[in-house]
PDB file of N, CA and C in Angstrom:
ATOM      1  N   MET A   1       3.218  -7.067   6.676  1.00  0.00           N
ATOM      2  CA  MET A   1       3.712  -5.958   5.833  1.00  0.00           C
ATOM      3  C   MET A   1       3.845  -4.706   6.951  1.00  0.00           C
ATOM      4  N   THR A   2       4.546  -3.875   6.335  1.00  0.00           N
ATOM      5  CA  THR A   2       4.888  -2.788   7.253  1.00  0.00           C
ATOM      6  C   THR A   2       3.355  -1.999   7.218  1.00  0.00           C
ATOM      7  N   SER A   3       3.458  -0.596   7.811  1.00  0.00           N
ATOM      8  CA  SER A   3       2.250   0.144   7.895  1.00  0.00           C
ATOM      9  C   SER A   3       1.826   0.631   6.535  1.00  0.00           C
ATOM     10  N   ASN A   4       1.074  -0.253   5.935  1.00  0.00           N
ATOM     11  CA  ASN A   4       0.259   0.457   4.696  1.00  0.00           C
ATOM     12  C   ASN A   4      -0.976   0.590   4.685  1.00  0.00           C
ATOM     13  N   HIS A   5      -1.340   1.246   5.902  1.00  0.00           N
ATOM     14  CA  HIS A   5      -2.894   1.421   6.296  1.00  0.00           C
ATOM     15  C   HIS A   5      -3.652   1.910   4.994  1.00  0.00           C
ATOM     16  N   ALA A   6      -3.028   3.102   4.364  1.00  0.00           N
ATOM     17  CA  ALA A   6      -3.773   3.611   3.375  1.00  0.00           C
ATOM     18  C   ALA A   6      -3.514   2.900   1.987  1.00  0.00           C
ATOM     19  N   GLY A   7      -2.512   2.304   2.024  1.00  0.00           N
ATOM     20  CA  GLY A   7      -1.932   1.535   0.609  1.00  0.00           C
ATOM     21  C   GLY A   7      -2.511   0.403   0.676  1.00  0.00           C
ATOM     22  N   TRP A   8      -1.710  -0.455  -0.362  1.00  0.00           N
ATOM     23  CA  TRP A   8      -1.948  -1.807  -0.595  1.00  0.00           C
ATOM     24  C   TRP A   8      -1.434  -2.799   0.503  1.00  0.00           C
ATOM     25  N   HIS A   9      -2.216  -3.801   0.936  1.00  0.00           N
ATOM     26  CA  HIS A   9      -1.764  -4.944   1.638  1.00  0.00           C
ATOM     27  C   HIS A   9      -0.896  -5.913   1.081  1.00  0.00           C
ATOM     28  N   ARG A  10       0.162  -6.268   1.739  1.00  0.00           N
ATOM     29  CA  ARG A  10       0.959  -7.304   0.837  1.00  0.00           C
ATOM     30  C   ARG A  10       0.174  -8.294   0.097  1.00  0.00           C
ATOM     31  N   ALA A  11      -0.602  -8.969   0.669  1.00  0.00           N
ATOM     32  CA  ALA A  11      -1.410  -9.852   0.076  1.00  0.00           C
ATOM     33  C   ALA A  11      -2.228  -9.575  -1.091  1.00  0.00           C
ATOM     34  N   ASP A  12      -2.731  -8.310  -1.018  1.00  0.00           N
ATOM     35  CA  ASP A  12      -3.144  -7.896  -2.080  1.00  0.00           C
ATOM     36  C   ASP A  12      -2.339  -7.645  -3.360  1.00  0.00           C
ATOM     37  N   ILE A  13      -1.089  -7.314  -3.022  1.00  0.00           N
ATOM     38  CA  ILE A  13      -0.098  -6.991  -3.996  1.00  0.00           C
ATOM     39  C   ILE A  13       0.132  -8.448  -4.801  1.00  0.00           C
ATOM     40  N   ILE A  14       0.430  -9.396  -3.745  1.00  0.00           N
ATOM     41  CA  ILE A  14       0.495 -10.746  -4.525  1.00  0.00           C
ATOM     42  C   ILE A  14      -0.636 -11.296  -5.229  1.00  0.00           C
ATOM     43  N   ALA A  15      -1.756 -10.873  -4.654  1.00  0.00           N
ATOM     44  CA  ALA A  15      -3.042 -11.308  -5.387  1.00  0.00           C
ATOM     45  C   ALA A  15      -2.977 -10.706  -6.732  1.00  0.00           C
ATOM     46  N   ALA A  16      -2.769  -9.386  -6.993  1.00  0.00           N
ATOM     47  CA  ALA A  16      -2.872  -8.578  -8.119  1.00  0.00           C
ATOM     48  C   ALA A  16      -2.071  -9.111  -9.091  1.00  0.00           C
ATOM     49  N   LEU A  17      -0.636  -9.519  -8.734  1.00  0.00           N
ATOM     50  CA  LEU A  17       0.484 -10.254  -9.444  1.00  0.00           C
ATOM     51  C   LEU A  17      -0.091 -11.714 -10.044  1.00  0.00           C
ATOM     52  N   HIS A  18      -0.464 -12.398  -8.947  1.00  0.00           N
ATOM     53  CA  HIS A  18      -1.250 -13.832  -9.567  1.00  0.00           C
ATOM     54  C   HIS A  18      -2.336 -13.478 -10.743  1.00  0.00           C
ATOM     55  N   LYS A  19      -3.094 -12.446 -10.326  1.00  0.00           N
ATOM     56  CA  LYS A  19      -4.190 -12.158 -11.115  1.00  0.00           C
ATOM     57  C   LYS A  19      -3.645 -12.191 -12.760  1.00  0.00           C
ATOM     58  N   ARG A  20      -2.586 -11.760 -12.735  1.00  0.00           N
ATOM     59  CA  ARG A  20      -1.987 -10.858 -14.040  1.00  0.00           C
ATOM     60  C   ARG A  20      -1.012 -12.070 -14.418  1.00  0.00           C
ATOM     61  N   GLY A  21      -1.030 -13.242 -13.928  1.00  0.00           N
ATOM     62  CA  GLY A  21      -0.171 -14.419 -14.302  1.00  0.00           C
ATOM     63  C   GLY A  21       1.318 -14.344 -13.817  1.00  0.00           C
ATOM     64  N   GLN A  22       1.546 -13.684 -12.817  1.00  0.00           N
ATOM     65  CA  GLN A  22       2.858 -13.331 -12.547  1.00  0.00           C
ATOM     66  C   GLN A  22       2.908 -13.862 -11.028  1.00  0.00           C
ATOM     67  N   ASN A  23       4.193 -13.888 -10.503  1.00  0.00           N
ATOM     68  CA  ASN A  23       4.535 -14.107  -9.015  1.00  0.00           C
ATOM     69  C   ASN A  23       5.927 -13.203  -8.686  1.00  0.00           C
ATOM     70  N   LEU A  24       6.159 -13.048  -7.362  1.00  0.00           N
ATOM     71  CA  LEU A  24       7.182 -12.191  -7.325  1.00  0.00           C
ATOM     72  C   LEU A  24       8.672 -12.901  -7.610  1.00  0.00           C
ATOM     73  N   THR A  25       8.723 -14.141  -7.568  1.00  0.00           N
ATOM     74  CA  THR A  25       9.901 -14.755  -7.879  1.00  0.00           C
ATOM     75  C   THR A  25      10.232 -14.463  -9.483  1.00  0.00           C
ATOM     76  N   SER A  26       9.148 -14.782 -10.241  1.00  0.00           N
ATOM     77  CA  SER A  26       9.606 -14.757 -11.695  1.00  0.00           C
ATOM     78  C   SER A  26       9.632 -13.156 -12.108  1.00  0.00           C
ATOM     79  N   LEU A  27       8.936 -12.277 -11.512  1.00  0.00           N
ATOM     80  CA  LEU A  27       9.156 -11.159 -11.942  1.00  0.00           C
ATOM     81  C   LEU A  27      10.439 -10.409 -11.450  1.00  0.00           C
ATOM     82  N   ALA A  28      10.983 -11.076 -10.188  1.00  0.00           N
ATOM     83  CA  ALA A  28      12.279 -10.704  -9.812  1.00  0.00           C
ATOM     84  C   ALA A  28      13.443 -11.157 -10.953  1.00  0.00           C
ATOM     85  N   ARG A  29      13.157 -12.680 -11.037  1.00  0.00           N
ATOM     86  CA  ARG A  29      14.041 -13.197 -12.124  1.00  0.00           C
ATOM     87  C   ARG A  29      13.968 -12.245 -13.436  1.00  0.00           C
ATOM     88  N   ALA A  30      12.916 -12.223 -13.961  1.00  0.00           N
ATOM     89  CA  ALA A  30      12.682 -11.466 -15.312  1.00  0.00           C
ATOM     90  C   ALA A  30      13.273  -9.959 -15.326  1.00  0.00           C
ATOM     91  N   ASN A  31      13.605  -9.390 -14.057  1.00  0.00           N
ATOM     92  CA  ASN A  31      14.264  -8.195 -13.859  1.00  0.00           C
ATOM     93  C   ASN A  31      15.574  -8.167 -13.479  1.00  0.00           C
ATOM     94  N   GLY A  32      16.382  -9.304 -13.310  1.00  0.00           N
ATOM     95  CA  GLY A  32      17.640  -9.505 -12.932  1.00  0.00           C
ATOM     96  C   GLY A  32      17.893  -9.421 -11.556  1.00  0.00           C
ATOM     97  N   TYR A  33      16.816  -9.832 -10.779  1.00  0.00           N
ATOM     98  CA  TYR A  33      17.134  -9.844  -9.019  1.00  0.00           C
ATOM     99  C   TYR A  33      16.842 -11.134  -8.654  1.00  0.00           C
ATOM    100  N   GLY A  34      17.424 -11.436  -7.522  1.00  0.00           N
ATOM    101  CA  GLY A  34      17.182 -12.723  -6.859  1.00  0.00           C
ATOM    102  C   GLY A  34      15.874 -12.964  -6.519  1.00  0.00           C
ATOM    103  N   ASP A  35      15.722 -14.497  -6.175  1.00  0.00           N
ATOM    104  CA  ASP A  35      14.231 -14.795  -5.864  1.00  0.00           C
ATOM    105  C   ASP A  35      13.671 -13.872  -4.736  1.00  0.00           C
ATOM    106  N   SER A  36      14.372 -13.576  -3.727  1.00  0.00           N
ATOM    107  CA  SER A  36      13.672 -13.002  -2.646  1.00  0.00           C
ATOM    108  C   SER A  36      13.719 -11.714  -2.733  1.00  0.00           C
ATOM    109  N   THR A  37      14.416 -10.721  -3.530  1.00  0.00           N
ATOM    110  CA  THR A  37      14.466  -9.344  -3.600  1.00  0.00           C
ATOM    111  C   THR A  37      13.032  -8.933  -3.674  1.00  0.00           C
ATOM    112  N   LEU A  38      12.139  -9.037  -4.566  1.00  0.00           N
ATOM    113  CA  LEU A  38      11.011  -8.512  -4.568  1.00  0.00           C
ATOM    114  C   LEU A  38       9.969  -8.823  -3.334  1.00  0.00           C
ATOM    115  N   ARG A  39      10.305 -10.121  -2.678  1.00  0.00           N
ATOM    116  CA  ARG A  39       9.392 -10.407  -1.588  1.00  0.00           C
ATOM    117  C   ARG A  39       9.837  -9.738  -0.547  1.00  0.00           C
ATOM    118  N   ALA A  40      11.213  -9.325  -0.171  1.00  0.00           N
ATOM    119  CA  ALA A  40      11.752  -8.192   0.828  1.00  0.00           C
ATOM    120  C   ALA A  40      11.293  -6.913   0.720  1.00  0.00           C
ATOM    121  N   SER A  41      10.925  -6.537  -0.774  1.00  0.00           N
ATOM    122  CA  SER A  41      10.458  -5.239  -0.864  1.00  0.00           C
ATOM    123  C   SER A  41       9.032  -4.917  -0.489  1.00  0.00           C
ATOM    124  N   LEU A  42       8.342  -5.914  -0.182  1.00  0.00           N
ATOM    125  CA  LEU A  42       7.043  -5.617   0.440  1.00  0.00           C
ATOM    126  C   LEU A  42       7.073  -5.505   1.823  1.00  0.00           C
ATOM    127  N   CYS A  43       8.197  -5.732   2.448  1.00  0.00           N
ATOM    128  CA  CYS A  43       8.238  -5.380   4.029  1.00  0.00           C
ATOM    129  C   CYS A  43       8.956  -3.959   4.275  1.00  0.00           C
ATOM    130  N   TYR A  44       9.936  -3.670   3.454  1.00  0.00           N
ATOM    131  CA  TYR A  44      10.496  -2.400   3.642  1.00  0.00           C
ATOM    132  C   TYR A  44      10.883  -1.810   2.305  1.00  0.00           C
ATOM    133  N   PRO A  45      11.013  -0.591   2.428  1.00  0.00           N
ATOM    134  CA  PRO A  45      11.166   0.197   1.134  1.00  0.00           C
ATOM    135  C   PRO A  45      12.415  -0.113   0.400  1.00  0.00           C
ATOM    136  N   ALA A  46      12.393  -0.227  -0.893  1.00  0.00           N
ATOM    137  CA  ALA A  46      13.621  -0.566  -1.718  1.00  0.00           C
ATOM    138  C   ALA A  46      13.069   0.201  -2.955  1.00  0.00           C
ATOM    139  N   LYS A  47      13.499   1.350  -3.476  1.00  0.00           N
ATOM    140  CA  LYS A  47      12.833   2.029  -4.554  1.00  0.00           C
ATOM    141  C   LYS A  47      12.758   1.081  -5.905  1.00  0.00           C
ATOM    142  N   THR A  48      14.018   0.462  -6.260  1.00  0.00           N
ATOM    143  CA  THR A  48      14.002  -0.018  -7.780  1.00  0.00           C
ATOM    144  C   THR A  48      13.154  -1.286  -7.663  1.00  0.00           C
ATOM    145  N   PRO A  49      13.135  -2.201  -6.558  1.00  0.00           N
ATOM    146  CA  PRO A  49      12.125  -3.435  -6.695  1.00  0.00           C
ATOM    147  C   PRO A  49      10.864  -2.854  -6.267  1.00  0.00           C
ATOM    148  N   ASN A  50      10.482  -1.981  -5.517  1.00  0.00           N
ATOM    149  CA  ASN A  50       8.927  -1.310  -5.538  1.00  0.00           C
ATOM    150  C   ASN A  50       8.562  -0.963  -6.608  1.00  0.00           C
ATOM    151  N   ARG A  51       9.507  -0.228  -7.331  1.00  0.00           N
ATOM    152  CA  ARG A  51       8.907   0.319  -8.768  1.00  0.00           C
ATOM    153  C   ARG A  51       8.907  -0.831 -10.087  1.00  0.00           C
ATOM    154  N   ILE A  52       9.482  -1.764  -9.824  1.00  0.00           N
ATOM    155  CA  ILE A  52       9.130  -2.828 -10.680  1.00  0.00           C
ATOM    156  C   ILE A  52       7.947  -3.685 -10.246  1.00  0.00           C
ATOM    157  N   ILE A  53       7.457  -4.034  -9.147  1.00  0.00           N
ATOM    158  CA  ILE A  53       6.296  -4.156  -8.761  1.00  0.00           C
ATOM    159  C   ILE A  53       5.184  -3.253  -9.382  1.00  0.00           C
ATOM    160  N   ALA A  54       5.209  -1.975  -8.826  1.00  0.00           N
ATOM    161  CA  ALA A  54       4.308  -0.874  -9.108  1.00  0.00           C
ATOM    162  C   ALA A  54       4.029  -0.715 -10.939  1.00  0.00           C
ATOM    163  N   GLU A  55       5.355  -0.732 -11.518  1.00  0.00           N
ATOM    164  CA  GLU A  55       4.739  -0.586 -13.051  1.00  0.00           C
ATOM    165  C   GLU A  55       4.410  -1.994 -13.422  1.00  0.00           C
ATOM    166  N   PHE A  56       4.561  -3.151 -13.171  1.00  0.00           N
ATOM    167  CA  PHE A  56       3.741  -4.446 -13.460  1.00  0.00           C
ATOM    168  C   PHE A  56       2.278  -4.403 -13.189  1.00  0.00           C
ATOM    169  N   LEU A  57       2.062  -3.681 -12.092  1.00  0.00           N
ATOM    170  CA  LEU A  57       0.627  -3.702 -11.732  1.00  0.00           C
ATOM    171  C   LEU A  57      -0.141  -2.355 -12.491  1.00  0.00           C
ATOM    172  N   GLY A  58       0.647  -1.553 -13.118  1.00  0.00           N
ATOM    173  CA  GLY A  58       0.289  -0.283 -13.569  1.00  0.00           C
ATOM    174  C   GLY A  58      -0.165   1.034 -12.703  1.00  0.00           C
ATOM    175  N   GLU A  59       0.501   0.715 -11.565  1.00  0.00           N
ATOM    176  CA  GLU A  59       0.035   1.482 -10.538  1.00  0.00           C
ATOM    177  C   GLU A  59       1.420   2.540 -10.122  1.00  0.00           C
ATOM    178  N   GLY A  60       1.357   3.702  -9.432  1.00  0.00           N
ATOM    179  CA  GLY A  60       2.516   4.582  -8.798  1.00  0.00           C
ATOM    180  C   GLY A  60       2.900   3.981  -7.691  1.00  0.00           C
ATOM    181  N   LEU A  61       4.313   4.304  -7.489  1.00  0.00           N
ATOM    182  CA  LEU A  61       4.761   3.867  -6.059  1.00  0.00           C
ATOM    183  C   LEU A  61       3.759   4.508  -4.886  1.00  0.00           C
ATOM    184  N   HIS A  62       3.375   5.723  -5.003  1.00  0.00           N
ATOM    185  CA  HIS A  62       2.722   6.247  -3.986  1.00  0.00           C
ATOM    186  C   HIS A  62       1.201   5.676  -3.814  1.00  0.00           C
ATOM    187  N   ALA A  63       0.453   4.985  -4.732  1.00  0.00           N
ATOM    188  CA  ALA A  63      -0.798   4.569  -4.683  1.00  0.00           C
ATOM    189  C   ALA A  63      -0.591   3.127  -3.862  1.00  0.00           C
ATOM    190  N   ILE A  64       0.628   2.300  -4.179  1.00  0.00           N
ATOM    191  CA  ILE A  64       0.888   1.045  -3.300  1.00  0.00           C
ATOM    192  C   ILE A  64       1.101   1.420  -1.933  1.00  0.00           C
ATOM    193  N   TRP A  65       2.230   2.310  -1.960  1.00  0.00           N
ATOM    194  CA  TRP A  65       3.060   2.356  -0.600  1.00  0.00           C
ATOM    195  C   TRP A  65       2.947   4.026  -0.131  1.00  0.00           C
ATOM    196  N   PRO A  66       1.987   4.503   0.316  1.00  0.00           N
ATOM    197  CA  PRO A  66       1.753   6.059   0.550  1.00  0.00           C
ATOM    198  C   PRO A  66       2.498   6.408   1.870  1.00  0.00           C
ATOM    199  N   ASP A  67       2.826   5.362   2.548  1.00  0.00           N
ATOM    200  CA  ASP A  67       3.712   5.525   3.595  1.00  0.00           C
ATOM    201  C   ASP A  67       5.175   5.621   3.447  1.00  0.00           C
ATOM    202  N   TRP A  68       5.581   4.953   2.238  1.00  0.00           N
ATOM    203  CA  TRP A  68       7.016   4.996   1.758  1.00  0.00           C
ATOM    204  C   TRP A  68       7.366   5.907   0.902  1.00  0.00           C
ATOM    205  N   TYR A  69       6.290   6.402   0.065  1.00  0.00           N
ATOM    206  CA  TYR A  69       6.497   7.343  -1.121  1.00  0.00           C
ATOM    207  C   TYR A  69       5.630   8.469  -1.169  1.00  0.00           C
ATOM    208  N   ALA A  70       6.097   9.355  -1.708  1.00  0.00           N
ATOM    209  CA  ALA A  70       5.444  10.891  -2.077  1.00  0.00           C
ATOM    210  C   ALA A  70       4.618  10.704  -3.454  1.00  0.00           C
ATOM    211  N   PRO A  71       3.702  11.548  -3.753  1.00  0.00           N
ATOM    212  CA  PRO A  71       3.063  11.568  -4.738  1.00  0.00           C
ATOM    213  C   PRO A  71       3.806  11.444  -6.113  1.00  0.00           C
ATOM    214  N   ASP A  72       5.139  12.267  -6.102  1.00  0.00           N
ATOM    215  CA  ASP A  72       6.048  12.367  -7.056  1.00  0.00           C
ATOM    216  C   ASP A  72       7.188  11.009  -7.183  1.00  0.00           C
ATOM    217  N   GLY A  73       6.881  10.174  -6.214  1.00  0.00           N
ATOM    218  CA  GLY A  73       7.994   8.964  -5.993  1.00  0.00           C
ATOM    219  C   GLY A  73       9.191   9.211  -5.481  1.00  0.00           C
ATOM    220  N   THR A  74       9.053  10.285  -4.739  1.00  0.00           N
ATOM    221  CA  THR A  74      10.350  10.515  -3.822  1.00  0.00           C
ATOM    222  C   THR A  74      10.080   9.693  -2.444  1.00  0.00           C
ATOM    223  N   GLN A  75      10.955   9.147  -2.334  1.00  0.00           N
ATOM    224  CA  GLN A  75      10.856   7.926  -0.883  1.00  0.00           C
ATOM    225  C   GLN A  75      11.027   9.068   0.470  1.00  0.00           C
ATOM    226  N   LEU A  76      10.002   8.693   1.291  1.00  0.00           N
ATOM    227  CA  LEU A  76       9.837   9.372   2.279  1.00  0.00           C
ATOM    228  C   LEU A  76      10.255   8.568   3.579  1.00  0.00           C
ATOM    229  N   ILE A  77      10.815   7.580   3.537  1.00  0.00           N
ATOM    230  CA  ILE A  77      11.265   6.850   4.886  1.00  0.00           C
ATOM    231  C   ILE A  77      12.368   5.731   4.221  1.00  0.00           C
ATOM    232  N   THR A  78      13.457   5.895   5.198  1.00  0.00           N
ATOM    233  CA  THR A  78      14.562   4.767   4.587  1.00  0.00           C
ATOM    234  C   THR A  78      14.238   3.625   5.106  1.00  0.00           C
ATOM    235  N   THR A  79      15.062   2.422   4.508  1.00  0.00           N
ATOM    236  CA  THR A  79      14.653   1.254   4.895  1.00  0.00           C
ATOM    237  C   THR A  79      14.905   0.938   6.427  1.00  0.00           C
ATOM    238  N   ARG A  80      15.881   1.447   6.775  1.00  0.00           N
ATOM    239  CA  ARG A  80      16.778   1.497   7.999  1.00  0.00           C
ATOM    240  C   ARG A  80      15.516   2.045   9.332  1.00  0.00           C
ATOM    241  N   GLU A  81      14.579   3.126   8.750  1.00  0.00           N
ATOM    242  CA  GLU A  81      13.793   3.470   9.606  1.00  0.00           C
ATOM    243  C   GLU A  81      12.324   2.803   9.732  1.00  0.00           C
ATOM    244  N   ALA A  82      12.237   2.058   8.407  1.00  0.00           N
ATOM    245  CA  ALA A  82      10.914   1.121   8.362  1.00  0.00           C
ATOM    246  C   ALA A  82      11.331  -0.182   9.081  1.00  0.00           C
ATOM    247  N   ILE A  83      12.527  -0.526   9.197  1.00  0.00           N
ATOM    248  CA  ILE A  83      12.674  -1.783  10.000  1.00  0.00           C
ATOM    249  C   ILE A  83      12.658  -1.340  11.542  1.00  0.00           C
ATOM    250  N   ARG A  84      13.292  -0.229  11.932  1.00  0.00           N
ATOM    251  CA  ARG A  84      12.951   0.271  13.021  1.00  0.00           C
ATOM    252  C   ARG A  84      11.696   0.326  13.715  1.00  0.00           C
ATOM    253  N   ARG A  85      10.785   0.913  12.788  1.00  0.00           N
ATOM    254  CA  ARG A  85       9.282   1.027  13.213  1.00  0.00           C
ATOM    255  C   ARG A  85       8.714  -0.269  13.392  1.00  0.00           C
ATOM    256  N   SER A  86       9.139  -1.172  12.716  1.00  0.00           N
ATOM    257  CA  SER A  86       8.431  -2.551  12.217  1.00  0.00           C
ATOM    258  C   SER A  86       8.443  -3.306  13.696  1.00  0.00           C
ATOM    259  N   ARG A  87       9.972  -3.312  13.986  1.00  0.00           N
ATOM    260  CA  ARG A  87      10.376  -3.994  15.246  1.00  0.00           C
ATOM    261  C   ARG A  87       9.551  -3.294  16.469  1.00  0.00           C
ATOM    262  N   ALA A  88       9.617  -1.973  16.451  1.00  0.00           N
ATOM    263  CA  ALA A  88       8.941  -1.437  17.524  1.00  0.00           C
ATOM    264  C   ALA A  88       7.368  -1.849  17.643  1.00  0.00           C
ATOM    265  N   ARG A  89       6.639  -1.958  16.726  1.00  0.00           N
ATOM    266  CA  ARG A  89       5.464  -2.373  16.478  1.00  0.00           C
ATOM    267  C   ARG A  89       5.330  -3.870  17.248  1.00  0.00           C
ATOM    268  N   ARG A  90       6.251  -4.753  16.493  1.00  0.00           N
ATOM    269  CA  ARG A  90       6.253  -6.100  17.013  1.00  0.00           C
ATOM    270  C   ARG A  90       6.443  -6.152  18.591  1.00  0.00           C
ATOM    271  N   VAL A  91       7.367  -5.344  18.939  1.00  0.00           N
ATOM    272  CA  VAL A  91       7.561  -5.324  20.576  1.00  0.00           C
ATOM    273  C   VAL A  91       6.252  -4.857  21.213  1.00  0.00           C
ATOM    274  N   GLN A  92       5.508  -4.028  20.725  1.00  0.00           N
ATOM    275  CA  GLN A  92       4.278  -3.187  21.226  1.00  0.00           C
ATOM    276  C   GLN A  92       3.331  -4.251  21.069  1.00  0.00           C
ATOM    277  N   LYS A  93       3.084  -4.967  19.960  1.00  0.00           N
ATOM    278  CA  LYS A  93       2.032  -6.048  20.078  1.00  0.00           C
ATOM    279  C   LYS A  93       2.283  -7.384  21.184  1.00  0.00           C
ATOM    280  N   ALA A  94       3.619  -7.488  21.425  1.00  0.00           N
ATOM    281  CA  ALA A  94       3.962  -8.619  22.300  1.00  0.00           C
ATOM    282  C   ALA A  94       3.965  -8.079  23.834  1.00  0.00           C
ATOM    283  N   ALA A  95       3.925  -6.951  23.828  1.00  0.00           N
ATOM    284  CA  ALA A  95       3.662  -6.447  25.391  1.00  0.00           C
ATOM    285  C   ALA A  95       2.530  -7.067  25.938  1.00  0.00           C
ATOM    286  N   PRO A  96       1.373  -6.795  25.595  1.00  0.00           N
ATOM    287  CA  PRO A  96       0.210  -7.087  26.462  1.00  0.00           C
ATOM    288  C   PRO A  96       0.461  -8.879  26.593  1.00  0.00           C
ATOM    289  N   ASP A  97       0.650  -9.518  25.863  1.00  0.00           N
ATOM    290  CA  ASP A  97       1.063 -11.007  25.921  1.00  0.00           C
ATOM    291  C   ASP A  97       1.764 -11.302  27.243  1.00  0.00           C
ATOM    292  N   ARG A  98       2.991 -10.644  27.315  1.00  0.00           N
ATOM    293  CA  ARG A  98       4.036 -10.932  28.197  1.00  0.00           C
ATOM    294  C   ARG A  98       3.523 -10.422  29.534  1.00  0.00           C
ATOM    295  N   GLN A  99       2.652  -9.272  29.423  1.00  0.00           N
ATOM    296  CA  GLN A  99       2.344  -8.910  30.711  1.00  0.00           C
ATOM    297  C   GLN A  99       1.235  -9.826  31.220  1.00  0.00           C
ATOM    298  N   GLN A 100       0.344 -10.446  30.274  1.00  0.00           N
ATOM    299  CA  GLN A 100      -0.525 -11.736  30.930  1.00  0.00           C
ATOM    300  C   GLN A 100       0.142 -12.824  31.463  1.00  0.00           C
ATOM    301  N   ALA A 101       1.235 -13.127  30.767  1.00  0.00           N
ATOM    302  CA  ALA A 101       1.841 -14.233  31.209  1.00  0.00           C
ATOM    303  C   ALA A 101       2.623 -14.084  32.492  1.00  0.00           C
ATOM    304  N   ALA A 102       3.081 -12.787  32.679  1.00  0.00           N
ATOM    305  CA  ALA A 102       3.730 -12.419  33.908  1.00  0.00           C
ATOM    306  C   ALA A 102       2.643 -12.525  35.166  1.00  0.00           C
ATOM    307  N   SER A 103       1.624 -11.966  34.770  1.00  0.00           N
ATOM    308  CA  SER A 103       0.745 -11.981  35.992  1.00  0.00           C
ATOM    309  C   SER A 103       0.032 -13.575  36.113  1.00  0.00           C
ATOM    310  N   ALA A 104       0.009 -14.102  35.113  1.00  0.00           N
ATOM    311  CA  ALA A 104      -0.386 -15.590  35.488  1.00  0.00           C
ATOM    312  C   ALA A 104       0.710 -16.197  36.338  1.00  0.00           C
ATOM    313  N   LEU A 105       1.892 -15.961  36.034  1.00  0.00           N
ATOM    314  CA  LEU A 105       2.953 -16.629  36.754  1.00  0.00           C
ATOM    315  C   LEU A 105       2.836 -16.001  38.272  1.00  0.00           C
ATOM    316  N   THR A 106       2.623 -14.642  38.326  1.00  0.00           N
ATOM    317  CA  THR A 106       2.730 -14.109  39.661  1.00  0.00           C
ATOM    318  C   THR A 106       1.435 -14.844  40.446  1.00  0.00           C
ATOM    319  N   ALA A 107       0.421 -15.102  39.779  1.00  0.00           N
ATOM    320  CA  ALA A 107      -1.101 -15.673  40.426  1.00  0.00           C
ATOM    321  C   ALA A 107      -0.713 -16.972  40.851  1.00  0.00           C
ATOM    322  N   GLU A 108       0.129 -17.702  40.013  1.00  0.00           N
ATOM    323  CA  GLU A 108       0.438 -19.085  40.465  1.00  0.00           C
ATOM    324  C   GLU A 108       1.292 -19.131  41.553  1.00  0.00           C
ATOM    325  N   GLY A 109       2.327 -18.542  41.626  1.00  0.00           N
ATOM    326  CA  GLY A 109       3.090 -18.369  42.815  1.00  0.00           C
ATOM    327  C   GLY A 109       2.403 -17.929  44.232  1.00  0.00           C
ATOM    328  N   ALA A 110       1.551 -17.364  43.959  1.00  0.00           N
ATOM    329  CA  ALA A 110       0.856 -16.873  45.241  1.00  0.00           C
ATOM    330  C   ALA A 110      -0.117 -17.683  45.658  1.00  0.00           C
ATOM    331  N   ALA A 111      -0.599 -18.446  44.709  1.00  0.00           N
ATOM    332  CA  ALA A 111      -1.645 -19.694  45.194  1.00  0.00           C
ATOM    333  C   ALA A 111      -0.830 -20.788  45.911  1.00  0.00           C
TER     334      ALA A 111
END
């Protein structure tokens, strides 16, 4: 999931749906969306799909995704910006592994 530090983790959202006898695919279909639409909206802000999930869970958008939505429901971040941030985090997480691998190769070459 994206940076939902203060909000719900995507696994918690899925678990809450399951506890209520629903899943993302069936909820999407019941609302006229494709199977993967709501799944994708757990990763990036998409107001209508996010609202479908929030309303089903009886929560506000801000309660579930405070990084994406203001308390009044106004979207705080664009999907494009969320994707950019997500990619930046992945690169940042991978950087230490790449540095260790490069160090190991350098050490092997010196031996």
